[in-house]
N, C-alpha and C. Protein backbone atom coordinates (compact mmCIF):
# COMPACT_ATOMS: atom_id res chain seq x y z
N UNK A 1 0.82 -1.19 0.00
CA UNK A 1 0.00 0.00 0.00
C UNK A 1 0.86 1.26 0.00
N UNK A 2 1.95 1.25 0.78
CA UNK A 2 2.82 2.43 0.83
C UNK A 2 3.45 2.73 -0.52
N UNK A 3 3.82 1.69 -1.24
CA UNK A 3 4.50 1.90 -2.53
C UNK A 3 3.62 2.61 -3.54
N UNK A 4 2.31 2.42 -3.44
CA UNK A 4 1.40 3.06 -4.40
C UNK A 4 0.92 4.42 -3.92
N UNK A 5 1.07 4.73 -2.65
CA UNK A 5 0.52 5.98 -2.11
C UNK A 5 1.58 7.04 -1.83
N UNK A 6 2.85 6.63 -1.71
CA UNK A 6 3.91 7.58 -1.39
C UNK A 6 4.97 7.57 -2.48
N UNK A 7 5.58 8.72 -2.67
CA UNK A 7 6.62 8.84 -3.70
C UNK A 7 7.99 8.45 -3.14
N UNK A 8 8.94 8.36 -4.04
CA UNK A 8 10.32 8.07 -3.64
C UNK A 8 10.83 9.13 -2.67
N UNK A 9 10.47 10.39 -2.91
CA UNK A 9 10.90 11.48 -2.02
C UNK A 9 10.30 11.34 -0.63
N UNK A 10 9.06 10.85 -0.54
CA UNK A 10 8.46 10.56 0.76
C UNK A 10 9.32 9.54 1.52
N UNK A 11 9.70 8.47 0.78
CA UNK A 11 10.49 7.41 1.42
C UNK A 11 11.85 7.92 1.89
N UNK A 12 12.46 8.83 1.15
CA UNK A 12 13.74 9.40 1.58
C UNK A 12 13.58 10.12 2.92
N UNK A 13 12.50 10.87 3.06
CA UNK A 13 12.25 11.57 4.32
C UNK A 13 11.99 10.58 5.45
N UNK A 14 11.20 9.56 5.17
CA UNK A 14 10.84 8.58 6.20
C UNK A 14 12.05 7.74 6.62
N UNK A 15 12.90 7.38 5.67
CA UNK A 15 14.07 6.56 6.00
C UNK A 15 15.10 7.30 6.85
N UNK A 16 15.03 8.62 6.85
CA UNK A 16 15.96 9.42 7.66
C UNK A 16 15.59 9.37 9.15
N UNK A 17 14.40 8.90 9.47
CA UNK A 17 13.94 8.82 10.86
C UNK A 17 14.53 7.58 11.51
N UNK A 18 14.96 7.72 12.76
CA UNK A 18 15.65 6.64 13.44
C UNK A 18 14.75 5.59 14.07
N UNK A 19 13.61 6.02 14.60
CA UNK A 19 12.79 5.11 15.39
C UNK A 19 11.64 4.55 14.57
N UNK A 20 11.46 3.23 14.58
CA UNK A 20 10.39 2.61 13.79
C UNK A 20 9.00 3.13 14.13
N UNK A 21 8.71 3.35 15.40
CA UNK A 21 7.39 3.84 15.78
C UNK A 21 7.15 5.26 15.25
N UNK A 22 8.19 6.08 15.30
CA UNK A 22 8.10 7.44 14.76
C UNK A 22 7.88 7.38 13.24
N UNK A 23 8.63 6.53 12.57
CA UNK A 23 8.50 6.38 11.12
C UNK A 23 7.09 5.90 10.77
N UNK A 24 6.55 4.94 11.53
CA UNK A 24 5.21 4.42 11.28
C UNK A 24 4.15 5.51 11.47
N UNK A 25 4.34 6.34 12.48
CA UNK A 25 3.41 7.45 12.72
C UNK A 25 3.33 8.35 11.49
N UNK A 26 4.48 8.76 10.96
CA UNK A 26 4.49 9.65 9.81
C UNK A 26 4.00 8.94 8.54
N UNK A 27 4.30 7.64 8.41
CA UNK A 27 3.80 6.88 7.25
C UNK A 27 2.27 6.87 7.24
N UNK A 28 1.68 6.53 8.39
CA UNK A 28 0.22 6.45 8.50
C UNK A 28 -0.42 7.79 8.19
N UNK A 29 0.11 8.85 8.78
CA UNK A 29 -0.50 10.17 8.58
C UNK A 29 -0.24 10.72 7.18
N UNK A 30 0.89 10.38 6.59
CA UNK A 30 1.16 10.83 5.22
C UNK A 30 0.17 10.19 4.25
N UNK A 31 -0.12 8.91 4.44
CA UNK A 31 -1.07 8.22 3.57
C UNK A 31 -2.50 8.69 3.87
N UNK A 32 -2.86 8.71 5.14
CA UNK A 32 -4.23 9.07 5.55
C UNK A 32 -4.59 10.49 5.12
N UNK A 33 -3.64 11.41 5.21
CA UNK A 33 -3.92 12.82 4.92
C UNK A 33 -3.41 13.25 3.55
N UNK A 34 -2.91 12.30 2.77
CA UNK A 34 -2.34 12.56 1.43
C UNK A 34 -1.38 13.76 1.47
N UNK A 35 -0.42 13.68 2.39
CA UNK A 35 0.56 14.75 2.53
C UNK A 35 1.49 14.79 1.33
N UNK A 36 1.81 15.96 0.90
CA UNK A 36 2.89 16.14 -0.07
C UNK A 36 4.21 15.93 0.67
N UNK A 37 5.29 15.88 -0.06
CA UNK A 37 6.60 15.74 0.58
C UNK A 37 6.86 16.95 1.47
N UNK A 38 6.45 18.11 0.98
CA UNK A 38 6.63 19.33 1.76
C UNK A 38 5.85 19.27 3.08
N UNK A 39 4.62 18.78 3.04
CA UNK A 39 3.82 18.65 4.25
C UNK A 39 4.44 17.63 5.22
N UNK A 40 4.97 16.55 4.68
CA UNK A 40 5.64 15.55 5.50
C UNK A 40 6.86 16.16 6.19
N UNK A 41 7.66 16.90 5.42
CA UNK A 41 8.85 17.55 5.99
C UNK A 41 8.45 18.52 7.10
N UNK A 42 7.38 19.27 6.85
CA UNK A 42 6.92 20.23 7.85
C UNK A 42 6.49 19.52 9.13
N UNK A 43 5.80 18.40 8.97
CA UNK A 43 5.36 17.63 10.14
C UNK A 43 6.57 17.12 10.93
N UNK A 44 7.57 16.63 10.23
CA UNK A 44 8.77 16.11 10.90
C UNK A 44 9.53 17.25 11.57
N UNK A 45 9.73 18.35 10.86
CA UNK A 45 10.50 19.48 11.40
C UNK A 45 9.79 20.16 12.56
N UNK A 46 8.47 20.10 12.59
CA UNK A 46 7.74 20.71 13.71
C UNK A 46 7.53 19.71 14.85
N UNK A 47 8.16 18.54 14.75
CA UNK A 47 8.11 17.51 15.79
C UNK A 47 6.67 17.09 16.10
N UNK A 48 5.87 16.88 15.06
CA UNK A 48 4.47 16.50 15.24
C UNK A 48 4.34 15.20 16.04
N UNK A 49 5.17 14.24 15.77
CA UNK A 49 5.14 12.96 16.49
C UNK A 49 5.34 13.19 17.99
N UNK A 50 6.36 13.96 18.34
CA UNK A 50 6.68 14.20 19.74
C UNK A 50 5.59 15.05 20.40
N UNK A 51 5.13 16.10 19.70
CA UNK A 51 4.10 16.97 20.27
C UNK A 51 2.80 16.21 20.49
N UNK A 52 2.45 15.33 19.54
CA UNK A 52 1.22 14.54 19.68
C UNK A 52 1.34 13.60 20.86
N UNK A 53 2.50 12.97 21.00
CA UNK A 53 2.71 12.04 22.10
C UNK A 53 2.65 12.70 23.47
N UNK A 54 3.12 13.95 23.56
CA UNK A 54 3.14 14.66 24.84
C UNK A 54 1.84 15.37 25.16
N UNK A 55 1.00 15.55 24.17
CA UNK A 55 -0.22 16.33 24.34
C UNK A 55 -1.31 15.55 25.06
N UNK A 56 -2.11 16.29 25.84
CA UNK A 56 -3.28 15.68 26.47
C UNK A 56 -4.47 15.71 25.51
N UNK A 57 -4.40 16.55 24.47
CA UNK A 57 -5.45 16.62 23.46
C UNK A 57 -4.83 16.31 22.09
N UNK A 58 -4.57 15.04 21.86
CA UNK A 58 -3.88 14.60 20.64
C UNK A 58 -4.63 14.98 19.37
N UNK A 59 -5.95 14.88 19.42
CA UNK A 59 -6.76 15.20 18.24
C UNK A 59 -6.59 16.68 17.86
N UNK A 60 -6.49 17.56 18.84
CA UNK A 60 -6.34 18.99 18.55
C UNK A 60 -4.98 19.27 17.92
N UNK A 61 -3.95 18.58 18.38
CA UNK A 61 -2.62 18.77 17.80
C UNK A 61 -2.62 18.33 16.34
N UNK A 62 -3.20 17.15 16.08
CA UNK A 62 -3.26 16.65 14.71
C UNK A 62 -4.14 17.53 13.83
N UNK A 63 -5.25 18.01 14.38
CA UNK A 63 -6.14 18.89 13.62
C UNK A 63 -5.45 20.21 13.30
N UNK A 64 -4.67 20.72 14.23
CA UNK A 64 -3.92 21.96 14.00
C UNK A 64 -2.94 21.82 12.86
N UNK A 65 -2.31 20.65 12.78
CA UNK A 65 -1.36 20.42 11.68
C UNK A 65 -2.10 20.20 10.37
N UNK A 66 -3.20 19.49 10.42
CA UNK A 66 -3.97 19.21 9.20
C UNK A 66 -4.51 20.49 8.58
N UNK A 67 -4.81 21.50 9.42
CA UNK A 67 -5.31 22.76 8.93
C UNK A 67 -4.22 23.65 8.37
N UNK A 68 -3.01 23.15 8.34
CA UNK A 68 -1.84 23.89 7.85
C UNK A 68 -1.74 25.29 8.46
N UNK A 69 -2.15 25.37 9.73
CA UNK A 69 -1.98 26.63 10.44
C UNK A 69 -0.51 26.76 10.81
N UNK A 70 -0.01 28.00 10.89
CA UNK A 70 1.39 28.17 11.29
C UNK A 70 1.61 27.64 12.70
N UNK A 71 2.80 27.13 12.94
CA UNK A 71 3.14 26.57 14.24
C UNK A 71 3.14 27.68 15.28
N UNK A 72 2.42 27.44 16.37
CA UNK A 72 2.35 28.40 17.46
C UNK A 72 3.28 27.92 18.56
N UNK A 73 4.00 28.84 19.17
CA UNK A 73 4.97 28.47 20.20
C UNK A 73 4.30 27.66 21.30
N UNK A 74 3.09 28.02 21.68
CA UNK A 74 2.40 27.29 22.74
C UNK A 74 2.14 25.84 22.36
N UNK A 75 2.13 25.51 21.05
CA UNK A 75 1.98 24.12 20.63
C UNK A 75 3.23 23.31 20.92
N UNK A 76 4.36 23.96 20.93
CA UNK A 76 5.63 23.27 21.13
C UNK A 76 6.03 23.27 22.60
N UNK A 77 5.85 24.40 23.25
CA UNK A 77 6.22 24.54 24.66
C UNK A 77 4.92 24.77 25.42
N UNK A 78 4.63 23.87 26.34
CA UNK A 78 3.35 23.95 27.04
C UNK A 78 3.20 25.26 27.81
N UNK A 79 4.23 25.66 28.53
CA UNK A 79 4.20 26.90 29.30
C UNK A 79 5.39 27.76 28.92
N UNK A 80 5.23 28.68 27.95
CA UNK A 80 6.36 29.53 27.61
C UNK A 80 6.73 30.43 28.79
N UNK A 81 8.00 30.63 28.99
CA UNK A 81 8.48 31.45 30.08
C UNK A 81 9.12 32.71 29.53
N UNK A 82 8.83 33.84 30.14
CA UNK A 82 9.46 35.09 29.79
C UNK A 82 10.45 35.39 30.91
N UNK A 83 11.72 35.41 30.56
CA UNK A 83 12.76 35.56 31.56
C UNK A 83 13.47 36.90 31.45
N UNK A 84 12.71 37.95 31.17
CA UNK A 84 13.30 39.26 31.01
C UNK A 84 14.00 39.73 32.27
N UNK A 85 13.53 39.27 33.44
CA UNK A 85 14.11 39.70 34.70
C UNK A 85 15.57 39.26 34.85
N UNK A 86 16.01 38.30 34.03
CA UNK A 86 17.39 37.86 34.10
C UNK A 86 18.35 38.89 33.51
N UNK A 87 17.83 39.77 32.68
CA UNK A 87 18.67 40.82 32.12
C UNK A 87 19.67 40.31 31.09
N UNK A 88 19.35 39.23 30.41
CA UNK A 88 20.27 38.70 29.39
C UNK A 88 20.27 39.62 28.18
N UNK A 89 21.46 39.95 27.72
CA UNK A 89 21.58 40.83 26.57
C UNK A 89 21.36 40.05 25.28
N UNK A 90 20.82 40.74 24.30
CA UNK A 90 20.69 40.16 22.97
C UNK A 90 21.92 40.59 22.17
N UNK A 91 22.28 39.82 21.19
CA UNK A 91 23.36 40.19 20.28
C UNK A 91 22.73 40.99 19.15
N UNK A 92 23.19 42.17 18.92
CA UNK A 92 22.62 43.01 17.87
C UNK A 92 23.72 43.47 16.92
N UNK A 93 23.51 43.21 15.64
CA UNK A 93 24.41 43.65 14.59
C UNK A 93 23.57 44.33 13.52
N UNK A 94 23.83 45.62 13.24
CA UNK A 94 23.07 46.36 12.23
C UNK A 94 21.57 46.23 12.43
N UNK A 95 21.13 46.40 13.67
CA UNK A 95 19.72 46.36 14.03
C UNK A 95 19.07 44.98 13.79
N UNK A 96 19.88 43.95 13.67
CA UNK A 96 19.41 42.56 13.57
C UNK A 96 19.70 41.89 14.91
N UNK A 97 18.67 41.29 15.53
CA UNK A 97 18.82 40.74 16.88
C UNK A 97 18.97 39.23 16.84
N UNK A 98 19.87 38.72 17.67
CA UNK A 98 20.14 37.29 17.75
C UNK A 98 20.07 36.86 19.21
N UNK A 99 19.53 35.67 19.43
CA UNK A 99 19.40 35.15 20.79
C UNK A 99 19.89 33.71 20.82
N UNK A 100 20.73 33.40 21.77
CA UNK A 100 21.12 32.01 22.01
C UNK A 100 20.04 31.41 22.90
N UNK A 101 19.70 30.14 22.68
CA UNK A 101 18.60 29.53 23.42
C UNK A 101 18.91 29.33 24.90
N UNK A 102 20.07 28.77 25.20
CA UNK A 102 20.44 28.52 26.59
C UNK A 102 21.92 28.85 26.79
N UNK A 103 22.23 29.46 27.94
CA UNK A 103 23.61 29.74 28.30
C UNK A 103 23.81 29.27 29.73
N UNK A 104 24.83 28.44 29.92
CA UNK A 104 25.19 27.96 31.26
C UNK A 104 26.65 28.32 31.51
N UNK A 105 27.02 28.33 32.76
CA UNK A 105 28.44 28.45 33.10
C UNK A 105 28.83 27.18 33.83
N UNK A 106 29.78 26.45 33.25
CA UNK A 106 30.23 25.18 33.83
C UNK A 106 31.35 25.49 34.82
N UNK A 107 31.08 25.25 36.08
CA UNK A 107 32.04 25.63 37.12
C UNK A 107 33.31 24.81 37.07
N UNK A 108 33.23 23.55 36.71
CA UNK A 108 34.43 22.72 36.69
C UNK A 108 35.28 23.03 35.47
N UNK A 109 34.65 23.13 34.29
CA UNK A 109 35.39 23.46 33.07
C UNK A 109 35.76 24.94 33.01
N UNK A 110 35.09 25.75 33.83
CA UNK A 110 35.31 27.20 33.87
C UNK A 110 35.10 27.83 32.49
N UNK A 111 33.91 27.56 31.95
CA UNK A 111 33.58 28.14 30.64
C UNK A 111 32.08 28.25 30.48
N UNK A 112 31.67 29.12 29.56
CA UNK A 112 30.27 29.22 29.18
C UNK A 112 29.93 28.05 28.26
N UNK A 113 28.74 27.52 28.41
CA UNK A 113 28.24 26.47 27.53
C UNK A 113 27.01 27.06 26.85
N UNK A 114 27.09 27.21 25.52
CA UNK A 114 26.02 27.80 24.74
C UNK A 114 25.26 26.69 24.05
N UNK A 115 23.94 26.66 24.20
CA UNK A 115 23.11 25.60 23.63
C UNK A 115 22.11 26.24 22.67
N UNK A 116 22.10 25.77 21.44
CA UNK A 116 21.15 26.22 20.43
C UNK A 116 20.24 25.04 20.09
N UNK A 117 18.94 25.20 20.27
CA UNK A 117 17.97 24.13 20.05
C UNK A 117 17.33 24.31 18.69
N UNK A 118 17.33 23.25 17.88
CA UNK A 118 16.74 23.29 16.54
C UNK A 118 15.66 22.23 16.44
N UNK A 119 14.46 22.64 16.01
CA UNK A 119 13.37 21.68 15.83
C UNK A 119 13.61 20.76 14.65
N UNK A 120 14.22 21.28 13.62
CA UNK A 120 14.41 20.51 12.39
C UNK A 120 15.78 19.89 12.31
N UNK A 121 16.16 19.59 11.08
CA UNK A 121 17.46 18.97 10.81
C UNK A 121 18.56 20.02 10.87
N UNK A 122 19.77 19.57 11.15
CA UNK A 122 20.94 20.45 11.18
C UNK A 122 21.18 21.05 9.80
N UNK A 123 21.52 22.32 9.79
CA UNK A 123 21.86 23.02 8.56
C UNK A 123 23.23 23.65 8.73
N UNK A 124 23.96 23.84 7.63
CA UNK A 124 25.27 24.48 7.72
C UNK A 124 25.15 25.89 8.31
N UNK A 125 24.00 26.52 8.12
CA UNK A 125 23.79 27.86 8.69
C UNK A 125 23.78 27.81 10.22
N UNK A 126 23.35 26.69 10.79
CA UNK A 126 23.34 26.55 12.25
C UNK A 126 24.76 26.61 12.81
N UNK A 127 25.70 26.00 12.10
CA UNK A 127 27.10 26.03 12.54
C UNK A 127 27.65 27.45 12.47
N UNK A 128 27.32 28.17 11.41
CA UNK A 128 27.76 29.56 11.30
C UNK A 128 27.19 30.43 12.39
N UNK A 129 25.91 30.23 12.70
CA UNK A 129 25.26 31.00 13.75
C UNK A 129 25.93 30.72 15.10
N UNK A 130 26.18 29.45 15.40
CA UNK A 130 26.83 29.10 16.66
C UNK A 130 28.24 29.67 16.71
N UNK A 131 28.93 29.69 15.59
CA UNK A 131 30.27 30.25 15.55
C UNK A 131 30.25 31.74 15.91
N UNK A 132 29.23 32.45 15.46
CA UNK A 132 29.07 33.86 15.83
C UNK A 132 28.91 33.97 17.35
N UNK A 133 28.05 33.14 17.92
CA UNK A 133 27.83 33.18 19.37
C UNK A 133 29.13 32.87 20.13
N UNK A 134 29.85 31.86 19.69
CA UNK A 134 31.10 31.49 20.36
C UNK A 134 32.12 32.62 20.30
N UNK A 135 32.26 33.23 19.13
CA UNK A 135 33.20 34.35 18.99
C UNK A 135 32.80 35.53 19.86
N UNK A 136 31.50 35.81 19.91
CA UNK A 136 31.01 36.90 20.76
C UNK A 136 31.34 36.62 22.22
N UNK A 137 31.01 35.41 22.69
CA UNK A 137 31.27 35.09 24.10
C UNK A 137 32.76 35.07 24.40
N UNK A 138 33.56 34.63 23.46
CA UNK A 138 35.00 34.60 23.64
C UNK A 138 35.53 36.03 23.80
N UNK A 139 35.01 36.95 23.02
CA UNK A 139 35.52 38.33 23.01
C UNK A 139 34.86 39.22 24.07
N UNK A 140 33.56 39.04 24.32
CA UNK A 140 32.83 39.98 25.17
C UNK A 140 32.50 39.47 26.58
N UNK A 141 32.39 38.17 26.76
CA UNK A 141 31.90 37.65 28.04
C UNK A 141 32.94 36.91 28.88
N UNK A 142 34.03 36.47 28.27
CA UNK A 142 35.06 35.74 29.02
C UNK A 142 35.76 36.69 29.99
N UNK A 143 36.08 36.17 31.16
CA UNK A 143 36.85 36.93 32.13
C UNK A 143 38.14 36.18 32.41
N UNK A 144 39.04 36.80 33.14
CA UNK A 144 40.32 36.17 33.47
C UNK A 144 40.07 34.82 34.15
N UNK A 145 40.75 33.80 33.69
CA UNK A 145 40.61 32.47 34.26
C UNK A 145 39.58 31.60 33.56
N UNK A 146 38.77 32.20 32.68
CA UNK A 146 37.78 31.42 31.92
C UNK A 146 38.45 30.69 30.77
N UNK A 147 37.94 29.53 30.47
CA UNK A 147 38.32 28.82 29.25
C UNK A 147 37.38 29.25 28.13
N UNK A 148 37.76 29.02 26.86
CA UNK A 148 36.88 29.40 25.75
C UNK A 148 35.52 28.72 25.86
N UNK A 149 34.48 29.38 25.37
CA UNK A 149 33.12 28.81 25.47
C UNK A 149 32.97 27.55 24.63
N UNK A 150 31.98 26.75 25.02
CA UNK A 150 31.65 25.52 24.32
C UNK A 150 30.27 25.71 23.68
N UNK A 151 30.12 25.30 22.43
CA UNK A 151 28.84 25.41 21.74
C UNK A 151 28.25 24.03 21.48
N UNK A 152 26.97 23.90 21.73
CA UNK A 152 26.27 22.65 21.50
C UNK A 152 25.00 22.95 20.71
N UNK A 153 24.89 22.34 19.53
CA UNK A 153 23.69 22.48 18.71
C UNK A 153 22.92 21.17 18.85
N UNK A 154 21.72 21.25 19.40
CA UNK A 154 20.86 20.08 19.54
C UNK A 154 19.78 20.17 18.47
N UNK A 155 19.71 19.16 17.62
CA UNK A 155 18.77 19.19 16.51
C UNK A 155 18.03 17.85 16.41
N UNK A 156 16.89 17.90 15.72
CA UNK A 156 16.08 16.69 15.59
C UNK A 156 16.74 15.66 14.68
N UNK A 157 17.47 16.13 13.68
CA UNK A 157 18.16 15.23 12.74
C UNK A 157 19.47 15.85 12.34
N UNK A 158 20.40 15.00 11.97
CA UNK A 158 21.67 15.51 11.47
C UNK A 158 22.27 14.51 10.49
N UNK A 159 23.00 15.06 9.54
CA UNK A 159 23.74 14.26 8.58
C UNK A 159 25.21 14.42 8.97
N UNK A 160 25.86 13.33 9.37
CA UNK A 160 27.23 13.41 9.88
C UNK A 160 28.20 14.03 8.89
N UNK A 161 28.03 13.76 7.62
CA UNK A 161 28.93 14.33 6.61
C UNK A 161 28.75 15.84 6.53
N UNK A 162 27.50 16.30 6.53
CA UNK A 162 27.24 17.73 6.51
C UNK A 162 27.81 18.40 7.76
N UNK A 163 27.64 17.78 8.91
CA UNK A 163 28.17 18.32 10.16
C UNK A 163 29.69 18.45 10.06
N UNK A 164 30.35 17.42 9.54
CA UNK A 164 31.81 17.45 9.44
C UNK A 164 32.27 18.59 8.54
N UNK A 165 31.66 18.74 7.36
CA UNK A 165 32.06 19.81 6.44
C UNK A 165 31.70 21.19 6.97
N UNK A 166 30.58 21.30 7.69
CA UNK A 166 30.14 22.60 8.19
C UNK A 166 30.96 23.07 9.39
N UNK A 167 31.55 22.13 10.14
CA UNK A 167 32.25 22.52 11.37
C UNK A 167 33.76 22.42 11.28
N UNK A 168 34.29 21.80 10.21
CA UNK A 168 35.74 21.69 10.08
C UNK A 168 36.35 23.08 9.97
N UNK A 169 37.38 23.30 10.77
CA UNK A 169 38.06 24.59 10.77
C UNK A 169 37.48 25.57 11.78
N UNK A 170 36.37 25.21 12.38
CA UNK A 170 35.78 26.07 13.42
C UNK A 170 36.35 25.66 14.77
N UNK A 171 35.90 26.34 15.79
CA UNK A 171 36.36 26.05 17.14
C UNK A 171 36.17 24.56 17.46
N UNK A 172 37.13 24.00 18.15
CA UNK A 172 37.02 22.59 18.53
C UNK A 172 35.93 22.36 19.56
N UNK A 173 35.44 23.43 20.15
CA UNK A 173 34.42 23.31 21.18
C UNK A 173 33.00 23.46 20.61
N UNK A 174 32.81 23.07 19.36
CA UNK A 174 31.49 23.14 18.73
C UNK A 174 31.02 21.72 18.44
N UNK A 175 29.90 21.34 19.07
CA UNK A 175 29.39 19.99 18.94
C UNK A 175 27.96 20.02 18.41
N UNK A 176 27.61 19.00 17.64
CA UNK A 176 26.26 18.86 17.10
C UNK A 176 25.76 17.48 17.52
N UNK A 177 24.57 17.46 18.08
CA UNK A 177 24.02 16.20 18.55
C UNK A 177 22.52 16.16 18.31
N UNK A 178 21.99 14.96 18.17
CA UNK A 178 20.54 14.77 18.02
C UNK A 178 19.91 14.66 19.40
N UNK A 179 18.69 15.16 19.50
CA UNK A 179 17.95 14.97 20.76
C UNK A 179 16.87 13.95 20.54
């Protein structure tokens, strides 16, 4: 049935998924809802499988995706938090604002740990963005006795070859991992 209902491009997207149950979820919904490859990619990149599994109203999550409504932050994060009271500065270049998702200070390593969370697959642009953050923290936030910052990009999917080519020559403290 799958061979007659899904294209080769659908199968390429599905084969990139690691878990059989996750793959089966997307297969069933792609056939049932006659998703295009683009719709399938959008479902995977928006973590529809994970959001549906965590939701108390699974039908509403699926209906929201079926209606091709734009992804709302509240759909991904149950309780969004506004942490303005922390006074974290934004990085601004030519009136363009950038925000790192998480910043920790590792007391034993004596360095900042910068974490960038990506819903979709790793892109070479993600490595460049993290490199900007690392250079900024190295130049503006390090104090005497600190080691250089460490960058961690957590993404839903990654291609090891792309990661290698995108990060070669960058700081050795830049890591890419799947969540």
